[in-house]
Amino acid sequence: MAARWPARLLLWGFSLLLLALAGCATRLPQVDRERLASEAIPASAHSTLGRIALESQPAPDQSGFRLMPLGTFSLDARLQLARRAEVSLDVQYYNIEGDATGRYFLRALRDAAQRGVRVRLLVDDLYTGGHDTLFLGLAAYPNVQVRLFNPFCCAREKGQLTRFLASTGDWSRLDHRMHNKMFIADGAMAIIGGRNVANEYYLRGSSDNFVDVDAFTTGAVLPAMQALFDRYWNSLAVYPLTSIASSPLSPEALQHQFERATGPATTAAPAPLPPNDVLGYAPIADDLDAGRLGLNWGQAYVFADHPDKPFDGVAGGELLETSVTYNVLEAVAKAKQEVVASSPYFVPGPKGMAFLKSLRERSVKVTVLTNSLSSTDEPAVHVGYSRYREDMLKMGVDLYELSPSKVSNNKHPFLFGKSLGRLHAKLFVIDRRTSFIGSMNLDPRSATINTEFGAVIDSPEVARELIRIIDIDRLQSAYRLRLAPDGRGLQWLGFQDDSEMVLDSEPDASLKLRLKAWLLGPLVPEELL
């Protein structure tokens, strides 16, 4: 999921002209940032999580990782850290929905605060529409602070479309979003990756579920992660929730409302976990109970875009050397043999094509897994990607597109059930040794418009497990693309009942969906995708 609403608004061009007169220019409040500034609390062996992390770390410069491809395990890991935290929780997300998963998650933060844990929650404001009362209820508890990145001033209790329409004089600012995801407990353990907090990221969606990967991490990267969180928390683009949103209810009434919204009568607990995930790992609670973490250890570093990046840069402009995209491409450029990538949105553009060409000219094998037209949640983005498919195939890039029908028939049905699978994992593996996991898509929006976060990990063990995860999707749940024998168009290759099948049109895509993509394509500038 990405912040692409302004592109969609082009479809309502005539309506926008009529509504523009009713729009408001943003009037954000003045905030005493020096008074509100705060810093992360370093890890300490005096906390249980801090002690376990310290005793598990083989050397001071080492960071440990456990990949979590199964959404149920990933959600449980967050809840376990929230339940066991004794000092602090620093939580940063692009989207926290008001659905069962979001409410249960927020209640876990509330429960930690009631034990005396300091909770700092930073949320991008794009998807908070209609949820102010829920977040205000959480903020009404002692030890909890809630802040918003780049907030809307108007139509706070409405959805994205209405809020954009009510802010017609301010789209250039509001189009820039914080796409980072980070969960840090006691400064000692963290979860990073691509998942937001909503049903569809944790196999709780009734129709759609995202195919994604997170990582549990500890060790040397934690202080750097805390510093990155603080840089956002205290930035000029971030405002306390209570300075933006208001309610006629008293703090006590807001707490009561929060209790009702998140209590067991209205919010079901997640289902019990299976004994092991697809990689063979047991739930992280087993390690925490035993007081020793079984992780893959190696050298790693983390980085995030500067919180001012979206406002300083230009859509489709030059990459900043401090950007996540620049750093990832720098790592990829060092590849000697192979690059394997997973990206739900993949729009290389002319610069990306030149970069891919440089890799292929050095005989670096490039494999990319992305969404098909039928699995993407952004058909316009797929159109941007499809413009480059034939040229990529001609230069020798291996392309795979996730198939919803093949996902539902996957030999690992517990991964996604029978729901519509949509790829959401943002991963790179370089020479089967160096890996990237984070929030960055391979598209212009991640490069210049949104902020992102990620980690580069030097560990053959982590790389091997990432390849295994990608291969489950690539080989069992995706079609391989090739040029048609006559040189005109594409073909999609797959297997069904051990027999190869060859398709000459977009798999699983209805005529209606293909027509929608055809209509959207010319309306959306590529630099906004």
Protein backbone atom coordinates (compact mmCIF):
# COMPACT_ATOMS: atom_id res chain seq x y z
CA MET A 1 0.00 0.00 0.00
CA ALA A 2 1.43 3.39 -0.91
CA ALA A 3 0.34 7.03 -0.88
CA ARG A 4 -0.98 7.50 -4.40
CA TRP A 5 -4.23 9.36 -3.86
CA PRO A 6 -3.32 12.50 -5.83
CA ALA A 7 -2.83 10.32 -8.91
CA ARG A 8 -6.27 8.82 -8.43
CA LEU A 9 -7.79 12.26 -7.99
CA LEU A 10 -7.01 13.01 -11.62
CA LEU A 11 -9.95 10.80 -12.47
CA TRP A 12 -12.25 13.28 -10.79
CA GLY A 13 -10.82 16.34 -12.55
CA PHE A 14 -14.14 17.99 -13.29
CA SER A 15 -15.37 17.43 -9.75
CA LEU A 16 -12.20 18.96 -8.36
CA LEU A 17 -12.78 22.14 -10.29
CA LEU A 18 -16.21 22.44 -8.72
CA LEU A 19 -15.00 21.66 -5.23
CA ALA A 20 -11.81 23.70 -5.29
CA LEU A 21 -13.58 26.81 -4.09
CA ALA A 22 -14.58 24.95 -0.95
CA GLY A 23 -11.01 23.82 -0.25
CA CYS A 24 -8.94 25.26 2.56
CA ALA A 25 -5.29 26.15 2.70
CA THR A 26 -3.52 24.39 5.54
CA ARG A 27 -3.31 26.22 8.84
CA LEU A 28 -1.22 23.97 11.02
CA PRO A 29 -0.67 25.08 14.61
CA GLN A 30 2.48 26.56 16.08
CA VAL A 31 4.25 23.97 18.23
CA ASP A 32 6.92 24.50 20.88
CA ARG A 33 9.15 21.74 19.56
CA GLU A 34 11.96 22.37 22.03
CA ARG A 35 9.58 21.78 24.94
CA LEU A 36 8.09 18.67 23.31
CA ALA A 37 11.39 17.10 22.22
CA SER A 38 12.30 13.73 23.70
CA GLU A 39 14.91 11.06 23.14
CA ALA A 40 15.00 7.28 23.05
CA ILE A 41 15.95 5.43 26.21
CA PRO A 42 19.03 3.25 25.60
CA ALA A 43 18.86 -0.48 26.21
CA SER A 44 19.94 -1.68 29.62
CA ALA A 45 20.66 -5.06 31.17
CA HIS A 46 18.32 -4.00 33.98
CA SER A 47 15.34 -4.76 31.72
CA THR A 48 14.47 -8.34 30.81
CA LEU A 49 14.57 -7.70 27.05
CA GLY A 50 17.83 -5.79 27.43
CA ARG A 51 19.41 -8.62 29.38
CA ILE A 52 18.30 -11.28 26.87
CA ALA A 53 19.56 -9.17 23.96
CA LEU A 54 22.94 -8.60 25.60
CA GLU A 55 23.42 -12.26 26.57
CA SER A 56 22.42 -13.43 23.06
CA GLN A 57 24.78 -11.10 21.15
CA PRO A 58 27.99 -12.92 20.13
CA ALA A 59 30.03 -9.71 19.68
CA PRO A 60 29.39 -5.96 20.15
CA ASP A 61 29.45 -5.23 16.40
CA GLN A 62 27.00 -8.02 15.51
CA SER A 63 23.28 -7.71 14.74
CA GLY A 64 20.89 -10.64 14.84
CA PHE A 65 17.93 -11.24 12.53
CA ARG A 66 15.04 -13.67 12.24
CA LEU A 67 12.92 -13.39 9.12
CA MET A 68 9.15 -13.58 9.56
CA PRO A 69 7.38 -14.43 6.28
CA LEU A 70 4.25 -15.61 8.06
CA GLY A 71 1.98 -12.73 9.04
CA THR A 72 0.57 -14.46 12.11
CA PHE A 73 4.08 -14.90 13.57
CA SER A 74 4.96 -11.31 12.70
CA LEU A 75 1.93 -9.90 14.52
CA ASP A 76 2.55 -12.13 17.53
CA ALA A 77 6.17 -10.92 17.72
CA ARG A 78 4.99 -7.32 18.00
CA LEU A 79 2.46 -8.25 20.67
CA GLN A 80 5.07 -10.25 22.61
CA LEU A 81 7.43 -7.29 22.68
CA ALA A 82 4.63 -4.96 23.76
CA ARG A 83 3.63 -7.33 26.57
CA ARG A 84 7.19 -7.81 27.81
CA ALA A 85 8.45 -4.24 27.51
CA GLU A 86 9.39 -2.64 30.84
CA VAL A 87 10.83 0.72 29.83
CA SER A 88 9.81 2.05 26.41
CA LEU A 89 8.04 1.36 23.13
CA ASP A 90 8.94 3.50 20.10
CA VAL A 91 6.52 2.71 17.28
CA GLN A 92 6.48 4.21 13.77
CA TYR A 93 4.04 3.20 11.01
CA TYR A 94 2.65 4.44 7.73
CA ASN A 95 -0.78 2.96 8.44
CA ILE A 96 -2.55 1.68 11.54
CA GLU A 97 -6.10 0.75 10.62
CA GLY A 98 -9.09 0.90 12.93
CA ASP A 99 -9.91 -2.75 12.18
CA ALA A 100 -9.59 -5.69 14.59
CA THR A 101 -5.81 -5.91 14.16
CA GLY A 102 -5.26 -2.18 14.59
CA ARG A 103 -7.48 -1.98 17.66
CA TYR A 104 -5.88 -5.03 19.28
CA PHE A 105 -2.43 -3.60 18.56
CA LEU A 106 -3.29 -0.22 20.07
CA ARG A 107 -4.72 -1.90 23.16
CA ALA A 108 -1.40 -3.74 23.62
CA LEU A 109 0.34 -0.35 23.59
CA ARG A 110 -2.18 0.94 26.13
CA ASP A 111 -1.61 -2.07 28.37
CA ALA A 112 2.14 -1.43 28.30
CA ALA A 113 1.61 2.21 29.23
CA GLN A 114 -0.51 1.19 32.21
CA ARG A 115 2.46 -0.85 33.44
CA GLY A 116 4.57 2.33 33.36
CA VAL A 117 6.16 1.84 29.92
CA ARG A 118 6.72 5.06 27.98
CA VAL A 119 4.92 4.72 24.64
CA ARG A 120 5.74 7.00 21.70
CA LEU A 121 3.55 6.31 18.65
CA LEU A 122 4.27 8.07 15.34
CA VAL A 123 1.79 7.54 12.49
CA ASP A 124 1.61 9.01 9.01
CA ASP A 125 -1.64 10.95 8.71
CA LEU A 126 -2.82 9.67 5.31
CA TYR A 127 -4.97 6.80 6.57
CA THR A 128 -6.06 8.18 9.95
CA GLY A 129 -9.26 9.69 8.54
CA GLY A 130 -12.22 8.74 10.73
CA HIS A 131 -9.98 7.35 13.48
CA ASP A 132 -9.16 10.50 15.49
CA THR A 133 -11.33 9.42 18.44
CA LEU A 134 -9.57 6.05 18.61
CA PHE A 135 -6.09 7.62 18.64
CA LEU A 136 -7.19 10.39 21.01
CA GLY A 137 -8.47 7.67 23.34
CA LEU A 138 -5.02 6.06 23.37
CA ALA A 139 -3.33 9.44 23.87
CA ALA A 140 -5.61 10.12 26.87
CA TYR A 141 -3.76 7.51 28.94
CA PRO A 142 -0.71 8.40 31.05
CA ASN A 143 2.70 7.48 29.55
CA VAL A 144 1.36 7.65 25.95
CA GLN A 145 2.28 10.22 23.31
CA VAL A 146 0.81 10.07 19.79
CA ARG A 147 2.16 12.20 16.94
CA LEU A 148 1.25 12.58 13.26
CA PHE A 149 3.55 13.00 10.28
CA ASN A 150 2.53 15.73 7.80
CA PRO A 151 -1.08 16.06 9.04
CA PHE A 152 -4.21 17.22 7.29
CA CYS A 153 -5.84 20.27 8.76
CA CYS A 154 -9.38 19.76 7.49
CA ALA A 155 -12.12 17.11 7.28
CA ARG A 156 -10.30 15.10 9.94
CA GLU A 157 -13.07 12.54 10.39
CA LYS A 158 -13.32 11.76 6.67
CA GLY A 159 -11.42 9.47 4.30
CA GLN A 160 -8.46 10.32 2.07
CA LEU A 161 -10.46 11.57 -0.90
CA THR A 162 -12.56 14.00 1.14
CA ARG A 163 -9.55 15.24 3.09
CA PHE A 164 -7.61 15.91 -0.12
CA LEU A 165 -10.60 17.70 -1.62
CA ALA A 166 -10.87 19.83 1.50
CA SER A 167 -7.20 20.76 1.16
CA THR A 168 -7.02 21.67 -2.51
CA GLY A 169 -4.59 24.49 -1.85
CA ASP A 170 -2.10 22.21 -0.17
CA TRP A 171 -1.70 19.08 -2.30
CA SER A 172 1.99 19.67 -2.97
CA ARG A 173 2.63 19.16 0.73
CA LEU A 174 0.10 16.43 1.44
CA ASP A 175 1.28 14.22 -1.42
CA HIS A 176 4.47 13.48 0.57
CA ARG A 177 4.12 10.68 3.10
CA MET A 178 6.14 8.79 5.73
CA HIS A 179 6.25 5.17 4.56
CA ASN A 180 8.60 3.92 7.33
CA LYS A 181 7.80 0.95 9.61
CA MET A 182 9.61 0.36 12.91
CA PHE A 183 8.77 -1.18 16.30
CA ILE A 184 11.37 -0.89 19.09
CA ALA A 185 10.96 -2.36 22.59
CA ASP A 186 13.16 -1.23 25.51
CA GLY A 187 15.80 -0.10 23.02
CA ALA A 188 16.83 -3.75 22.85
CA MET A 189 14.73 -5.57 20.26
CA ALA A 190 12.87 -4.42 17.17
CA ILE A 191 10.77 -5.47 14.20
CA ILE A 192 11.34 -3.98 10.75
CA GLY A 193 10.06 -4.70 7.26
CA GLY A 194 7.16 -3.89 5.00
CA ARG A 195 4.06 -4.62 7.08
CA ASN A 196 1.70 -1.95 8.33
CA VAL A 197 -0.86 -2.65 11.07
CA ALA A 198 -4.09 -3.89 9.47
CA ASN A 199 -5.90 -7.19 8.99
CA GLU A 200 -4.61 -7.85 5.48
CA TYR A 201 -0.94 -7.81 6.59
CA TYR A 202 -1.43 -10.62 9.10
CA LEU A 203 -3.67 -13.09 7.23
CA ARG A 204 -6.79 -11.70 8.90
CA GLY A 205 -8.28 -10.13 5.77
CA SER A 206 -11.52 -11.69 4.57
CA SER A 207 -10.74 -11.24 0.87
CA ASP A 208 -7.24 -9.77 0.35
CA ASN A 209 -4.00 -10.54 2.19
CA PHE A 210 -0.52 -9.20 1.51
CA VAL A 211 2.49 -11.45 0.87
CA ASP A 212 5.18 -9.80 2.96
CA VAL A 213 8.29 -10.32 5.11
CA ASP A 214 9.38 -8.71 8.39
CA ALA A 215 12.50 -9.24 10.47
CA PHE A 216 12.94 -9.48 14.22
CA THR A 217 16.27 -7.85 15.07
CA THR A 218 18.57 -7.00 17.95
CA GLY A 219 22.18 -6.06 18.52
CA ALA A 220 24.37 -3.34 17.07
CA VAL A 221 21.69 -1.80 14.81
CA LEU A 222 19.39 -0.86 17.70
CA PRO A 223 21.06 2.43 18.78
CA ALA A 224 21.03 3.62 15.17
CA MET A 225 17.34 2.71 14.86
CA GLN A 226 16.58 4.69 18.02
CA ALA A 227 18.43 7.71 16.62
CA LEU A 228 16.45 7.48 13.38
CA PHE A 229 13.19 7.31 15.30
CA ASP A 230 14.15 10.39 17.33
CA ARG A 231 15.01 12.32 14.16
CA TYR A 232 11.45 11.79 12.94
CA TRP A 233 9.78 12.19 16.32
CA ASN A 234 11.31 15.65 16.81
CA SER A 235 11.13 16.80 13.17
CA LEU A 236 9.28 19.84 11.82
CA ALA A 237 6.88 17.63 9.84
CA VAL A 238 5.58 15.91 12.99
CA TYR A 239 2.81 17.31 15.22
CA PRO A 240 1.30 16.07 18.49
CA LEU A 241 -2.07 14.49 17.77
CA THR A 242 -3.78 16.71 20.31
CA SER A 243 -2.58 19.85 18.49
CA ILE A 244 -4.27 18.66 15.28
CA ALA A 245 -7.34 16.69 16.40
CA SER A 246 -9.86 17.52 19.11
CA SER A 247 -12.88 15.97 20.80
CA PRO A 248 -15.66 17.31 23.01
CA LEU A 249 -15.15 14.28 25.25
CA SER A 250 -13.16 14.48 28.47
CA PRO A 251 -9.99 12.39 28.84
CA GLU A 252 -11.94 9.96 31.00
CA ALA A 253 -14.68 9.65 28.39
CA LEU A 254 -12.09 9.12 25.65
CA GLN A 255 -10.51 6.36 27.69
CA HIS A 256 -13.92 4.76 28.19
CA GLN A 257 -14.56 4.95 24.44
CA PHE A 258 -11.16 3.39 23.75
CA GLU A 259 -11.90 0.62 26.24
CA ARG A 260 -15.14 -0.24 24.48
CA ALA A 261 -13.59 -0.08 20.99
CA THR A 262 -10.61 -2.28 21.81
CA GLY A 263 -12.06 -4.63 24.45
CA PRO A 264 -12.72 -8.35 23.95
CA ALA A 265 -16.42 -7.76 23.25
CA THR A 266 -15.59 -5.86 20.05
CA THR A 267 -12.02 -6.89 19.17
CA ALA A 268 -11.17 -10.54 18.71
CA ALA A 269 -7.73 -11.81 19.67
CA PRO A 270 -5.53 -13.28 16.92
CA ALA A 271 -5.84 -17.02 16.36
CA PRO A 272 -3.31 -19.37 18.01
CA LEU A 273 -0.07 -19.86 16.12
CA PRO A 274 1.01 -23.08 14.39
CA PRO A 275 4.07 -24.75 15.93
CA ASN A 276 6.46 -23.47 13.23
CA ASP A 277 6.57 -21.08 10.32
CA VAL A 278 7.69 -21.83 6.76
CA LEU A 279 11.36 -21.48 7.75
CA GLY A 280 10.94 -23.87 10.67
CA TYR A 281 11.07 -21.24 13.41
CA ALA A 282 8.90 -21.50 16.50
CA PRO A 283 7.16 -18.36 17.84
CA ILE A 284 9.57 -15.77 19.23
CA ALA A 285 7.88 -16.17 22.62
CA ASP A 286 9.66 -19.52 23.00
CA ASP A 287 13.05 -17.81 22.75
CA LEU A 288 12.05 -15.00 25.09
CA ASP A 289 10.75 -17.48 27.65
CA ALA A 290 14.03 -19.40 27.44
CA GLY A 291 16.07 -16.21 27.79
CA ARG A 292 18.13 -16.81 24.66
CA LEU A 293 17.55 -15.69 21.08
CA GLY A 294 18.23 -18.04 18.19
CA LEU A 295 19.03 -15.64 15.34
CA ASN A 296 21.26 -15.29 12.28
CA TRP A 297 24.07 -12.88 13.16
CA GLY A 298 26.15 -10.62 10.96
CA GLN A 299 27.22 -7.08 10.17
CA ALA A 300 24.34 -4.72 9.33
CA TYR A 301 23.47 -1.07 9.03
CA VAL A 302 20.15 0.75 8.92
CA PHE A 303 19.19 4.00 7.23
CA ALA A 304 16.15 6.18 6.69
CA ASP A 305 15.38 9.13 4.50
CA HIS A 306 15.65 12.48 6.22
CA PRO A 307 12.13 13.52 7.33
CA ASP A 308 12.47 16.68 5.23
CA LYS A 309 13.38 14.72 2.08
CA PRO A 310 9.85 14.69 0.60
CA PHE A 311 9.53 18.46 0.91
CA ASP A 312 13.03 19.29 -0.33
CA GLY A 313 13.05 16.96 -3.33
CA VAL A 314 11.17 17.09 -6.61
CA ALA A 315 8.99 14.25 -7.90
CA GLY A 316 11.11 12.35 -10.41
CA GLY A 317 14.16 14.47 -9.59
CA GLU A 318 17.72 13.47 -8.77
CA LEU A 319 18.25 10.99 -5.95
CA LEU A 320 19.62 12.47 -2.74
CA GLU A 321 22.76 10.70 -1.57
CA THR A 322 21.14 10.36 1.86
CA SER A 323 18.04 8.63 0.46
CA VAL A 324 17.20 4.98 1.06
CA THR A 325 16.87 4.36 -2.67
CA TYR A 326 20.36 5.76 -3.32
CA ASN A 327 21.88 3.59 -0.60
CA VAL A 328 20.12 0.45 -1.81
CA LEU A 329 21.22 1.02 -5.39
CA GLU A 330 24.77 1.62 -4.17
CA ALA A 331 24.69 -1.82 -2.54
CA VAL A 332 23.14 -3.44 -5.63
CA ALA A 333 25.73 -1.82 -7.90
CA LYS A 334 28.42 -3.83 -6.10
CA ALA A 335 26.88 -7.11 -7.25
CA LYS A 336 29.28 -9.41 -9.05
CA GLN A 337 27.06 -12.36 -9.93
CA GLU A 338 23.38 -12.08 -9.02
CA VAL A 339 20.63 -9.76 -7.80
CA VAL A 340 17.25 -11.09 -6.70
CA ALA A 341 14.56 -8.51 -5.94
CA SER A 342 10.99 -8.48 -4.71
CA SER A 343 8.99 -5.27 -5.07
CA PRO A 344 5.21 -4.86 -5.21
CA TYR A 345 5.56 -1.67 -7.25
CA PHE A 346 8.30 -1.79 -9.88
CA VAL A 347 8.58 1.21 -12.20
CA PRO A 348 12.24 1.46 -13.26
CA GLY A 349 11.94 4.54 -15.48
CA PRO A 350 14.73 5.55 -17.86
CA LYS A 351 17.32 5.85 -15.06
CA GLY A 352 16.40 2.47 -13.62
CA MET A 353 16.62 0.90 -17.06
CA ALA A 354 20.10 2.32 -17.50
CA PHE A 355 21.04 0.89 -14.10
CA LEU A 356 19.70 -2.55 -15.03
CA LYS A 357 21.56 -2.40 -18.33
CA SER A 358 24.82 -1.68 -16.49
CA LEU A 359 24.30 -4.78 -14.35
CA ARG A 360 23.54 -6.99 -17.34
CA GLU A 361 26.56 -5.66 -19.25
CA ARG A 362 28.67 -7.04 -16.38
CA SER A 363 26.84 -10.39 -16.71
CA VAL A 364 25.07 -9.93 -13.37
CA LYS A 365 21.96 -12.12 -13.34
CA VAL A 366 18.89 -10.06 -12.37
CA THR A 367 15.63 -11.65 -11.17
CA VAL A 368 12.62 -9.54 -10.21
CA LEU A 369 9.36 -10.67 -8.60
CA THR A 370 6.53 -8.14 -8.70
CA ASN A 371 2.74 -7.99 -8.86
CA SER A 372 0.72 -8.93 -11.91
CA LEU A 373 -2.14 -6.76 -13.08
CA SER A 374 -4.54 -9.08 -11.27
CA SER A 375 -2.67 -9.02 -7.93
CA THR A 376 -1.71 -5.34 -7.71
CA ASP A 377 -3.77 -2.92 -5.64
CA GLU A 378 -2.61 -0.08 -7.94
CA PRO A 379 -3.46 -0.78 -11.62
CA ALA A 380 -2.02 2.59 -12.68
CA VAL A 381 1.36 1.59 -11.25
CA HIS A 382 1.22 -1.69 -13.13
CA VAL A 383 0.73 0.30 -16.33
CA GLY A 384 3.89 2.27 -15.51
CA TYR A 385 5.78 -1.00 -14.99
CA SER A 386 4.34 -2.71 -18.09
CA ARG A 387 5.86 -0.05 -20.35
CA TYR A 388 9.31 -1.48 -19.57
CA ARG A 389 8.63 -5.23 -19.54
CA GLU A 390 9.65 -6.04 -23.11
CA ASP A 391 12.84 -3.98 -22.92
CA MET A 392 13.82 -5.62 -19.62
CA LEU A 393 13.27 -9.08 -21.09
CA LYS A 394 15.34 -8.16 -24.14
CA MET A 395 18.28 -7.18 -21.93
CA GLY A 396 18.00 -10.50 -20.07
CA VAL A 397 16.20 -9.57 -16.85
CA ASP A 398 14.11 -12.47 -15.48
CA LEU A 399 10.62 -11.22 -14.62
CA TYR A 400 8.05 -13.00 -12.48
CA GLU A 401 4.55 -11.75 -11.68
CA LEU A 402 2.54 -12.97 -8.70
CA SER A 403 -0.70 -14.74 -9.61
CA PRO A 404 -3.70 -14.59 -7.23
CA SER A 405 -5.01 -17.94 -8.46
CA LYS A 406 -1.63 -19.61 -8.00
CA VAL A 407 -1.26 -18.07 -4.51
CA SER A 408 -4.57 -19.62 -3.44
CA ASN A 409 -3.37 -23.02 -4.68
CA ASN A 410 0.10 -22.71 -3.14
CA LYS A 411 1.56 -25.89 -1.65
CA HIS A 412 1.95 -23.89 1.56
CA PRO A 413 -1.73 -22.95 2.06
CA PHE A 414 -1.19 -21.81 5.65
CA LEU A 415 0.83 -18.89 4.26
CA PHE A 416 -2.10 -17.12 2.62
CA GLY A 417 -5.20 -19.28 2.89
CA LYS A 418 -7.65 -18.98 0.01
CA SER A 419 -7.59 -15.19 -0.03
CA LEU A 420 -6.38 -12.97 -2.86
CA GLY A 421 -2.62 -12.66 -2.42
CA ARG A 422 -0.96 -9.33 -3.19
CA LEU A 423 2.83 -9.01 -3.09
CA HIS A 424 3.99 -6.42 -0.55
CA ALA A 425 7.54 -7.58 0.34
CA LYS A 426 10.40 -5.19 -0.46
CA LEU A 427 13.54 -7.33 -0.58
CA PHE A 428 16.94 -7.56 -2.29
CA VAL A 429 19.51 -10.32 -2.18
CA ILE A 430 22.94 -9.55 -3.64
CA ASP A 431 25.37 -12.34 -4.51
CA ARG A 432 23.58 -14.57 -2.00
CA ARG A 433 25.31 -12.76 0.85
CA THR A 434 24.02 -9.20 1.25
CA SER A 435 20.32 -8.52 1.84
CA PHE A 436 18.01 -5.54 2.07
CA ILE A 437 14.72 -5.57 3.94
CA GLY A 438 12.62 -2.49 4.50
CA SER A 439 9.78 -0.29 3.29
CA MET A 440 11.18 0.92 -0.08
CA ASN A 441 9.49 0.07 -3.38
CA LEU A 442 11.33 0.23 -6.69
CA ASP A 443 9.39 3.21 -8.00
CA PRO A 444 9.67 7.00 -8.34
CA ARG A 445 7.47 7.63 -5.30
CA SER A 446 9.81 5.80 -2.92
CA ALA A 447 12.79 7.47 -4.56
CA THR A 448 11.75 11.11 -4.28
CA ILE A 449 8.31 11.64 -2.71
CA ASN A 450 7.91 9.38 0.35
CA THR A 451 10.28 8.68 3.21
CA GLU A 452 11.50 5.09 3.66
CA PHE A 453 13.48 2.91 6.07
CA GLY A 454 15.56 -0.22 5.60
CA ALA A 455 18.45 -2.42 6.66
CA VAL A 456 21.35 -3.87 4.68
CA ILE A 457 22.53 -7.15 6.21
CA ASP A 458 25.81 -8.95 5.50
CA SER A 459 24.91 -12.55 6.33
CA PRO A 460 24.87 -15.56 3.98
CA GLU A 461 22.37 -17.23 6.32
CA VAL A 462 19.86 -14.37 6.09
CA ALA A 463 20.40 -14.20 2.31
CA ARG A 464 19.78 -17.93 1.95
CA GLU A 465 16.51 -17.70 3.89
CA LEU A 466 15.35 -14.68 1.88
CA ILE A 467 16.04 -16.55 -1.37
CA ARG A 468 14.01 -19.46 -0.03
CA ILE A 469 11.08 -17.17 0.79
CA ILE A 470 11.18 -15.44 -2.59
CA ASP A 471 11.43 -18.78 -4.38
CA ILE A 472 8.26 -20.07 -2.69
CA ASP A 473 6.40 -17.18 -4.34
CA ARG A 474 8.42 -17.09 -7.56
CA LEU A 475 8.25 -20.80 -8.37
CA GLN A 476 4.88 -21.77 -6.88
CA SER A 477 2.78 -18.60 -6.99
CA ALA A 478 3.96 -16.62 -10.01
CA TYR A 479 4.18 -16.66 -13.79
CA ARG A 480 7.50 -16.23 -15.60
CA LEU A 481 7.41 -13.75 -18.46
CA ARG A 482 9.05 -14.18 -21.84
CA LEU A 483 8.93 -12.52 -25.22
CA ALA A 484 6.46 -14.11 -27.64
CA PRO A 485 8.17 -16.28 -30.30
CA ASP A 486 7.04 -13.96 -33.08
CA GLY A 487 8.56 -10.99 -31.26
CA ARG A 488 5.19 -9.33 -30.73
CA GLY A 489 4.10 -9.01 -27.15
CA LEU A 490 4.58 -11.23 -24.10
CA GLN A 491 3.79 -14.67 -22.84
CA TRP A 492 3.26 -15.89 -19.28
CA LEU A 493 4.62 -19.33 -18.37
CA GLY A 494 3.44 -21.45 -15.46
CA PHE A 495 2.66 -24.96 -14.35
CA GLN A 496 -0.67 -26.52 -13.53
CA ASP A 497 -0.87 -30.16 -12.39
CA ASP A 498 2.78 -30.58 -13.45
CA SER A 499 1.97 -29.47 -17.01
CA GLU A 500 3.41 -26.29 -18.48
CA MET A 501 0.91 -23.72 -19.66
CA VAL A 502 1.55 -20.69 -21.83
CA LEU A 503 -0.76 -17.66 -21.73
CA ASP A 504 -0.83 -14.83 -24.25
CA SER A 505 -2.66 -12.26 -22.10
CA GLU A 506 -2.48 -10.92 -18.53
CA PRO A 507 -3.25 -13.92 -16.26
CA ASP A 508 -6.35 -13.77 -14.03
CA ALA A 509 -7.14 -10.24 -15.26
CA SER A 510 -10.73 -9.58 -16.27
CA LEU A 511 -11.65 -7.41 -19.24
CA LYS A 512 -12.91 -4.80 -16.77
CA LEU A 513 -9.56 -4.70 -14.96
CA ARG A 514 -7.59 -4.45 -18.21
CA LEU A 515 -9.86 -1.63 -19.35
CA LYS A 516 -9.35 0.17 -16.02
CA ALA A 517 -5.58 -0.06 -16.38
CA TRP A 518 -5.78 1.18 -19.96
CA LEU A 519 -7.85 4.19 -18.88
CA LEU A 520 -5.66 5.03 -15.87
CA GLY A 521 -2.30 4.79 -17.62
CA PRO A 522 -2.30 8.04 -19.61
CA LEU A 523 -3.74 10.04 -16.69
CA VAL A 524 -0.95 9.47 -14.17
CA PRO A 525 2.51 11.08 -14.54
CA GLU A 526 5.16 8.38 -14.11
CA GLU A 527 7.06 10.40 -11.51
CA LEU A 528 4.03 10.14 -9.18
CA LEU A 529 3.79 6.34 -9.38
